[in-house]
Amino acid sequence: MATSLPGGARLRAIADGALSTVTAATSDLGQAAGYAARTFTSRAGLRGLALEGAWLAAHLALYPIGLAEETVRPHGHWRTDSLPPVKRSLVVADPTAAGTPILLVHGIMDNRSVFTVFAHELRRRGFGVVHAINYSLFTDDVRTAAHELRGHVERLREATGSDRVHIVGHSLGGVIARYYVQRMGGDAVVDTLATLGSPHSGSNLARIAPLPLCRQLCPGSAILRELDEPAPGCRTRFLVVWSRMDEIIVPQRNSRLRHPDLDVTELELDDVGHLALPVDRRTVHFVASTLARGEAERREHDRVRDRRLRGSLRLVGRHAAEGA
């Protein structure tokens, strides 16, 4: 009898653990269902669903075209008299901002066609080089994709003669670009990284698909813990767009970027689905206007960042001295 008790205790513990897991999952599902009901039945939610459906249909039609690689289009801003007023104003006011290449990185199982509208709007506003890339559909590792991205960045810099680039990443593309910036020294050449609906803290929806890449996007995965590690002195600024109606990032707040060493500016939306983020006019305006502010704002941004870093170092030094 005495020898059977530990086994019985283990079985009870397993049963209690399973019950706790089921209870937690049921609670999470109930909260998610309640949140979905409140969000998607509101007027803004219905409008967002309509936009998501319309863009999904358009994107499916554009998808085959996006399978082909895009060639770099060098800007021709030697004359401004033929440019429309919006484009001319950026080229004249800040040619450096207009000439800095912008690299667009799509999400999982997608291609560059998701940026069709976004790229057109950036070019219309005066940005000279807007280049969308494709990475392999069979990519199963964020690190591998980040190495591939580094190659794209170097080729774009070589083709344009630019020292720095901007990157815009949708969904997984933002996580890949963030890994390149934080863990591979990409902050030396990436001025600004904008992420649109990227699972910075993972998505519970990734648990459904038993794929290596999806496991890396689960909350608490090794790759996400690696990105949470200290990144002192990171020179890239981050623009983060997330939506409370995102149906792919669950919970939606996991698209927010919270890291003490990173400089993050955030745009929160409440009526845009995951796929429609790159075509939402507020997303385009937020990213384009921030990039168009140019070198003067960038220098001020760097001064503020440097003061903050010096303050952090002094604080660390003081705490070390007090501890001694």
Protein backbone atom coordinates (compact mmCIF):
# COMPACT_ATOMS: atom_id res chain seq x y z
CA MET A 1 0.00 0.00 0.00
CA ALA A 2 2.83 2.36 0.94
CA THR A 3 4.51 1.89 -2.46
CA SER A 4 1.33 2.69 -4.40
CA LEU A 5 0.76 6.07 -2.76
CA PRO A 6 3.54 7.97 -4.61
CA GLY A 7 2.21 6.61 -7.89
CA GLY A 8 -1.29 7.69 -6.95
CA ALA A 9 0.00 11.08 -5.93
CA ARG A 10 1.74 11.46 -9.27
CA LEU A 11 -1.44 10.53 -11.12
CA ARG A 12 -3.43 13.05 -9.08
CA ALA A 13 -0.80 15.70 -9.79
CA ILE A 14 -0.93 14.94 -13.52
CA ALA A 15 -4.73 15.05 -13.47
CA ASP A 16 -4.70 18.32 -11.51
CA GLY A 17 -2.18 19.79 -13.96
CA ALA A 18 -4.23 18.73 -16.96
CA LEU A 19 -7.38 20.15 -15.38
CA SER A 20 -5.59 23.42 -14.65
CA THR A 21 -4.36 23.63 -18.25
CA VAL A 22 -7.83 22.93 -19.63
CA THR A 23 -9.37 25.49 -17.26
CA ALA A 24 -6.82 28.13 -18.27
CA ALA A 25 -7.31 27.38 -21.97
CA THR A 26 -11.09 27.57 -21.54
CA SER A 27 -10.76 30.87 -19.72
CA ASP A 28 -8.48 32.27 -22.42
CA LEU A 29 -10.86 31.06 -25.11
CA GLY A 30 -13.79 32.68 -23.33
CA GLN A 31 -11.93 35.97 -22.99
CA ALA A 32 -10.88 35.84 -26.65
CA ALA A 33 -14.45 35.11 -27.74
CA GLY A 34 -15.77 37.99 -25.67
CA TYR A 35 -13.11 40.32 -27.04
CA ALA A 36 -13.86 39.23 -30.61
CA ALA A 37 -17.57 39.77 -30.10
CA ARG A 38 -17.02 43.29 -28.75
CA THR A 39 -14.48 44.21 -31.43
CA PHE A 40 -15.90 42.72 -34.61
CA THR A 41 -19.54 43.68 -33.99
CA SER A 42 -18.79 47.36 -33.44
CA ARG A 43 -19.17 49.84 -36.30
CA ALA A 44 -15.40 50.26 -36.58
CA GLY A 45 -14.93 46.50 -36.39
CA LEU A 46 -17.39 45.86 -39.20
CA ARG A 47 -15.67 48.49 -41.33
CA GLY A 48 -12.33 46.85 -40.57
CA LEU A 49 -13.66 43.43 -41.53
CA ALA A 50 -14.92 44.82 -44.82
CA LEU A 51 -11.49 46.31 -45.58
CA GLU A 52 -9.75 43.08 -44.59
CA GLY A 53 -12.01 41.06 -46.91
CA ALA A 54 -11.60 43.46 -49.81
CA TRP A 55 -7.82 43.55 -49.49
CA LEU A 56 -7.68 39.76 -49.12
CA ALA A 57 -9.47 39.38 -52.46
CA ALA A 58 -7.19 41.94 -54.13
CA HIS A 59 -4.09 40.39 -52.59
CA LEU A 60 -5.01 36.92 -53.82
CA ALA A 61 -5.27 38.35 -57.33
CA LEU A 62 -1.88 40.07 -57.00
CA TYR A 63 -0.13 37.15 -55.31
CA PRO A 64 1.10 35.39 -58.53
CA ILE A 65 2.65 38.65 -59.73
CA GLY A 66 4.47 39.05 -56.43
CA LEU A 67 6.25 35.71 -56.86
CA ALA A 68 8.68 37.32 -59.30
CA GLU A 69 11.66 39.14 -57.83
CA GLU A 70 11.58 42.92 -58.05
CA THR A 71 14.51 44.79 -59.55
CA VAL A 72 15.93 47.84 -57.81
CA ARG A 73 14.59 51.01 -59.36
CA PRO A 74 17.21 53.78 -59.08
CA HIS A 75 15.72 57.17 -58.36
CA GLY A 76 15.88 59.81 -61.03
CA HIS A 77 15.76 62.93 -58.86
CA TRP A 78 18.19 64.96 -60.96
CA ARG A 79 15.36 67.25 -62.09
CA THR A 80 12.36 68.24 -60.01
CA ASP A 81 10.31 70.28 -62.47
CA SER A 82 8.48 67.20 -63.73
CA LEU A 83 7.64 65.89 -60.26
CA PRO A 84 4.21 66.34 -58.65
CA PRO A 85 4.13 68.83 -55.71
CA VAL A 86 4.12 66.23 -52.91
CA LYS A 87 7.09 64.36 -54.32
CA ARG A 88 8.96 67.56 -55.22
CA SER A 89 8.60 68.94 -51.68
CA LEU A 90 10.39 65.98 -50.12
CA VAL A 91 13.14 65.89 -52.74
CA VAL A 92 13.85 69.61 -52.34
CA ALA A 93 13.42 69.85 -48.57
CA ASP A 94 15.49 66.81 -47.65
CA PRO A 95 17.20 64.94 -50.49
CA THR A 96 18.87 62.61 -47.99
CA ALA A 97 15.50 61.46 -46.64
CA ALA A 98 14.16 61.09 -50.17
CA GLY A 99 17.20 59.11 -51.30
CA THR A 100 17.54 56.67 -48.39
CA PRO A 101 16.44 53.25 -49.73
CA ILE A 102 13.45 51.55 -48.15
CA LEU A 103 13.39 47.75 -48.04
CA LEU A 104 10.01 46.00 -47.62
CA VAL A 105 9.91 42.52 -46.02
CA HIS A 106 6.73 40.40 -46.17
CA GLY A 107 5.34 37.92 -43.65
CA ILE A 108 4.96 34.15 -43.45
CA MET A 109 3.64 32.34 -46.57
CA ASP A 110 3.38 35.67 -48.36
CA ASN A 111 5.36 37.63 -50.94
CA ARG A 112 6.14 41.20 -51.90
CA SER A 113 2.67 41.75 -53.39
CA VAL A 114 1.36 42.55 -49.89
CA PHE A 115 3.23 45.86 -50.23
CA THR A 116 1.76 46.84 -53.62
CA VAL A 117 -0.25 49.77 -52.25
CA PHE A 118 2.29 50.67 -49.57
CA ALA A 119 5.20 50.89 -52.03
CA HIS A 120 3.15 52.97 -54.47
CA GLU A 121 2.25 55.45 -51.73
CA LEU A 122 5.85 55.81 -50.60
CA ARG A 123 7.03 56.46 -54.15
CA ARG A 124 4.19 58.94 -54.67
CA ARG A 125 5.33 60.86 -51.60
CA GLY A 126 8.84 61.27 -53.01
CA PHE A 127 10.92 58.35 -51.72
CA GLY A 128 13.27 57.45 -54.54
CA VAL A 129 14.12 53.79 -53.89
CA VAL A 130 11.41 51.52 -52.48
CA HIS A 131 12.35 47.88 -52.96
CA ALA A 132 10.24 44.86 -51.92
CA ILE A 133 11.93 41.47 -51.58
CA ASN A 134 10.86 37.85 -51.40
CA TYR A 135 12.43 35.29 -49.13
CA SER A 136 11.93 31.57 -49.45
CA LEU A 137 8.49 30.11 -48.73
CA PHE A 138 10.35 27.18 -47.17
CA THR A 139 12.12 29.31 -44.57
CA ASP A 140 11.86 27.50 -41.24
CA ASP A 141 14.19 29.58 -39.06
CA VAL A 142 14.20 33.29 -38.17
CA ARG A 143 18.00 33.35 -37.92
CA THR A 144 18.42 31.91 -41.42
CA ALA A 145 15.97 34.44 -42.82
CA ALA A 146 17.83 37.25 -41.02
CA HIS A 147 21.08 36.18 -42.71
CA GLU A 148 19.26 36.22 -46.04
CA LEU A 149 17.93 39.69 -45.24
CA ARG A 150 21.46 40.92 -44.53
CA GLY A 151 22.41 39.90 -48.06
CA HIS A 152 19.48 41.85 -49.49
CA VAL A 153 20.47 44.93 -47.47
CA GLU A 154 24.07 44.81 -48.66
CA ARG A 155 23.05 44.39 -52.29
CA LEU A 156 20.63 47.30 -52.01
CA ARG A 157 23.29 49.52 -50.46
CA GLU A 158 25.75 48.57 -53.18
CA ALA A 159 23.22 49.23 -55.96
CA THR A 160 22.22 52.64 -54.58
CA GLY A 161 25.48 53.81 -53.00
CA SER A 162 23.64 54.51 -49.75
CA ASP A 163 25.25 54.05 -46.34
CA ARG A 164 21.97 53.37 -44.57
CA VAL A 165 18.54 51.93 -45.32
CA HIS A 166 15.08 51.86 -43.79
CA ILE A 167 13.22 48.55 -43.40
CA VAL A 168 9.48 47.97 -43.18
CA GLY A 169 8.45 44.48 -42.07
CA HIS A 170 4.92 43.08 -42.09
CA SER A 171 4.14 40.33 -39.55
CA LEU A 172 7.03 37.81 -39.49
CA GLY A 173 9.06 40.18 -41.68
CA GLY A 174 9.29 42.57 -38.73
CA VAL A 175 10.63 39.85 -36.42
CA ILE A 176 13.23 38.79 -39.01
CA ALA A 177 14.36 42.38 -39.47
CA ARG A 178 14.46 42.95 -35.71
CA TYR A 179 16.71 39.92 -35.27
CA TYR A 180 19.04 41.27 -37.95
CA VAL A 181 19.14 44.67 -36.26
CA GLN A 182 19.52 43.50 -32.65
CA ARG A 183 21.54 40.31 -32.93
CA MET A 184 23.59 40.64 -36.13
CA GLY A 185 24.82 44.24 -36.01
CA GLY A 186 22.23 45.47 -38.50
CA ASP A 187 21.72 48.63 -36.46
CA ALA A 188 24.94 49.93 -38.04
CA VAL A 189 23.17 50.29 -41.40
CA VAL A 190 19.42 50.26 -40.61
CA ASP A 191 18.30 53.77 -39.74
CA THR A 192 14.66 52.95 -39.02
CA LEU A 193 12.75 49.67 -38.71
CA ALA A 194 8.96 49.85 -39.00
CA THR A 195 7.00 46.74 -38.02
CA LEU A 196 3.37 46.22 -38.99
CA GLY A 197 1.51 43.62 -36.94
CA SER A 198 4.69 41.76 -35.97
CA PRO A 199 4.47 39.23 -33.11
CA HIS A 200 7.22 40.73 -30.94
CA SER A 201 5.98 38.67 -27.99
CA GLY A 202 4.68 35.79 -30.09
CA SER A 203 1.17 34.69 -30.99
CA ASN A 204 -0.86 31.90 -29.44
CA LEU A 205 -2.19 31.17 -32.91
CA ALA A 206 1.28 29.86 -33.82
CA ARG A 207 0.71 26.91 -31.47
CA ILE A 208 -1.79 25.45 -33.94
CA ALA A 209 0.72 24.79 -36.74
CA PRO A 210 3.39 22.15 -35.91
CA LEU A 211 6.09 23.85 -37.99
CA PRO A 212 9.58 24.86 -36.77
CA LEU A 213 9.02 28.48 -37.79
CA CYS A 214 5.66 28.63 -36.02
CA ARG A 215 7.24 27.22 -32.86
CA GLN A 216 9.67 30.13 -32.94
CA LEU A 217 6.70 32.52 -32.95
CA CYS A 218 5.03 30.99 -29.89
CA PRO A 219 5.14 33.19 -26.77
CA GLY A 220 8.21 32.45 -24.69
CA SER A 221 10.14 30.70 -27.49
CA ALA A 222 13.93 30.65 -27.45
CA ILE A 223 14.18 33.12 -30.35
CA LEU A 224 11.86 35.61 -28.64
CA ARG A 225 13.74 35.27 -25.37
CA GLU A 226 16.91 36.02 -27.31
CA LEU A 227 15.34 39.21 -28.66
CA ASP A 228 14.38 40.19 -25.10
CA GLU A 229 18.04 40.14 -24.05
CA PRO A 230 19.80 43.49 -23.48
CA ALA A 231 20.62 45.51 -26.60
CA PRO A 232 22.59 48.47 -25.23
CA GLY A 233 23.52 51.14 -27.75
CA CYS A 234 21.17 49.90 -30.48
CA ARG A 235 21.24 52.69 -33.09
CA THR A 236 18.08 51.80 -35.01
CA ARG A 237 14.83 53.54 -34.17
CA PHE A 238 11.64 51.46 -34.23
CA LEU A 239 8.21 52.37 -35.53
CA VAL A 240 5.58 49.87 -34.38
CA VAL A 241 2.07 49.64 -35.80
CA TRP A 242 -0.37 47.29 -34.11
CA SER A 243 -4.13 46.82 -34.12
CA ARG A 244 -6.61 45.70 -31.50
CA MET A 245 -8.50 43.96 -34.31
CA ASP A 246 -5.55 41.84 -35.45
CA GLU A 247 -6.91 38.32 -35.91
CA ILE A 248 -3.49 36.68 -36.36
CA ILE A 249 -1.58 38.05 -33.36
CA VAL A 250 -3.28 36.63 -30.26
CA PRO A 251 -3.38 38.40 -27.89
CA GLN A 252 -3.16 41.55 -29.99
CA ARG A 253 -0.95 43.39 -27.48
CA ASN A 254 1.87 40.97 -28.37
CA SER A 255 2.47 43.14 -31.44
CA ARG A 256 3.72 45.90 -29.16
CA LEU A 257 7.46 46.20 -28.66
CA ARG A 258 8.54 46.62 -25.07
CA HIS A 259 12.31 46.66 -24.60
CA PRO A 260 14.22 49.04 -22.30
CA ASP A 261 17.14 49.46 -24.71
CA LEU A 262 15.14 50.20 -27.85
CA ASP A 263 13.74 53.53 -28.98
CA VAL A 264 10.16 52.80 -30.02
CA THR A 265 7.42 55.02 -31.42
CA GLU A 266 4.04 53.31 -31.57
CA LEU A 267 0.84 53.69 -33.58
CA GLU A 268 -2.16 51.88 -32.10
CA LEU A 269 -5.18 51.16 -34.29
CA ASP A 270 -8.46 49.55 -33.28
CA ASP A 271 -10.24 48.77 -36.55
CA VAL A 272 -7.73 47.16 -38.93
CA GLY A 273 -7.19 43.47 -39.60
CA HIS A 274 -3.77 41.85 -39.87
CA LEU A 275 -3.54 41.65 -43.65
CA ALA A 276 -4.88 45.17 -44.22
CA LEU A 277 -2.29 46.94 -42.07
CA PRO A 278 -0.02 47.77 -45.06
CA VAL A 279 -2.92 49.37 -46.96
CA ASP A 280 -4.40 51.38 -44.10
CA ARG A 281 -3.95 55.11 -44.80
CA ARG A 282 -2.97 55.85 -41.19
CA THR A 283 -0.21 53.24 -41.32
CA VAL A 284 1.15 54.69 -44.56
CA HIS A 285 1.00 58.26 -43.23
CA PHE A 286 2.66 57.33 -39.93
CA VAL A 287 5.58 55.56 -41.56
CA ALA A 288 6.01 57.95 -44.49
CA SER A 289 5.78 61.14 -42.43
CA THR A 290 8.24 59.83 -39.83
CA LEU A 291 10.78 58.84 -42.48
CA ALA A 292 10.26 62.13 -44.35
CA ARG A 293 11.18 64.27 -41.34
CA GLY A 294 14.73 63.56 -42.33
CA GLU A 295 18.16 64.27 -41.00
CA ALA A 296 17.39 67.18 -38.67
CA GLU A 297 14.97 65.09 -36.63
CA ARG A 298 17.35 62.15 -36.79
CA ARG A 299 20.18 64.20 -35.28
CA GLU A 300 17.91 65.38 -32.48
CA HIS A 301 16.73 61.80 -31.99
CA ASP A 302 20.36 60.67 -31.69
CA ARG A 303 21.14 63.40 -29.14
CA VAL A 304 18.18 62.36 -26.98
CA ARG A 305 19.18 58.69 -27.26
CA ASP A 306 22.80 59.44 -26.34
CA ARG A 307 21.74 61.45 -23.28
CA ARG A 308 19.52 58.58 -22.19
CA LEU A 309 22.34 56.06 -22.66
CA ARG A 310 24.79 58.21 -20.70
CA GLY A 311 22.22 58.58 -17.94
CA SER A 312 21.74 54.80 -17.82
CA LEU A 313 25.49 54.21 -17.63
CA ARG A 314 25.84 56.72 -14.80
CA LEU A 315 22.98 55.02 -12.95
CA VAL A 316 24.59 51.61 -13.36
CA GLY A 317 27.93 52.96 -12.19
CA ARG A 318 26.38 54.57 -9.12
CA HIS A 319 24.56 51.37 -8.18
CA ALA A 320 27.81 49.43 -8.59
CA ALA A 321 29.64 51.88 -6.34
CA GLU A 322 26.91 51.69 -3.71
CA GLY A 323 27.02 47.91 -3.85
CA ALA A 324 30.79 47.96 -3.31
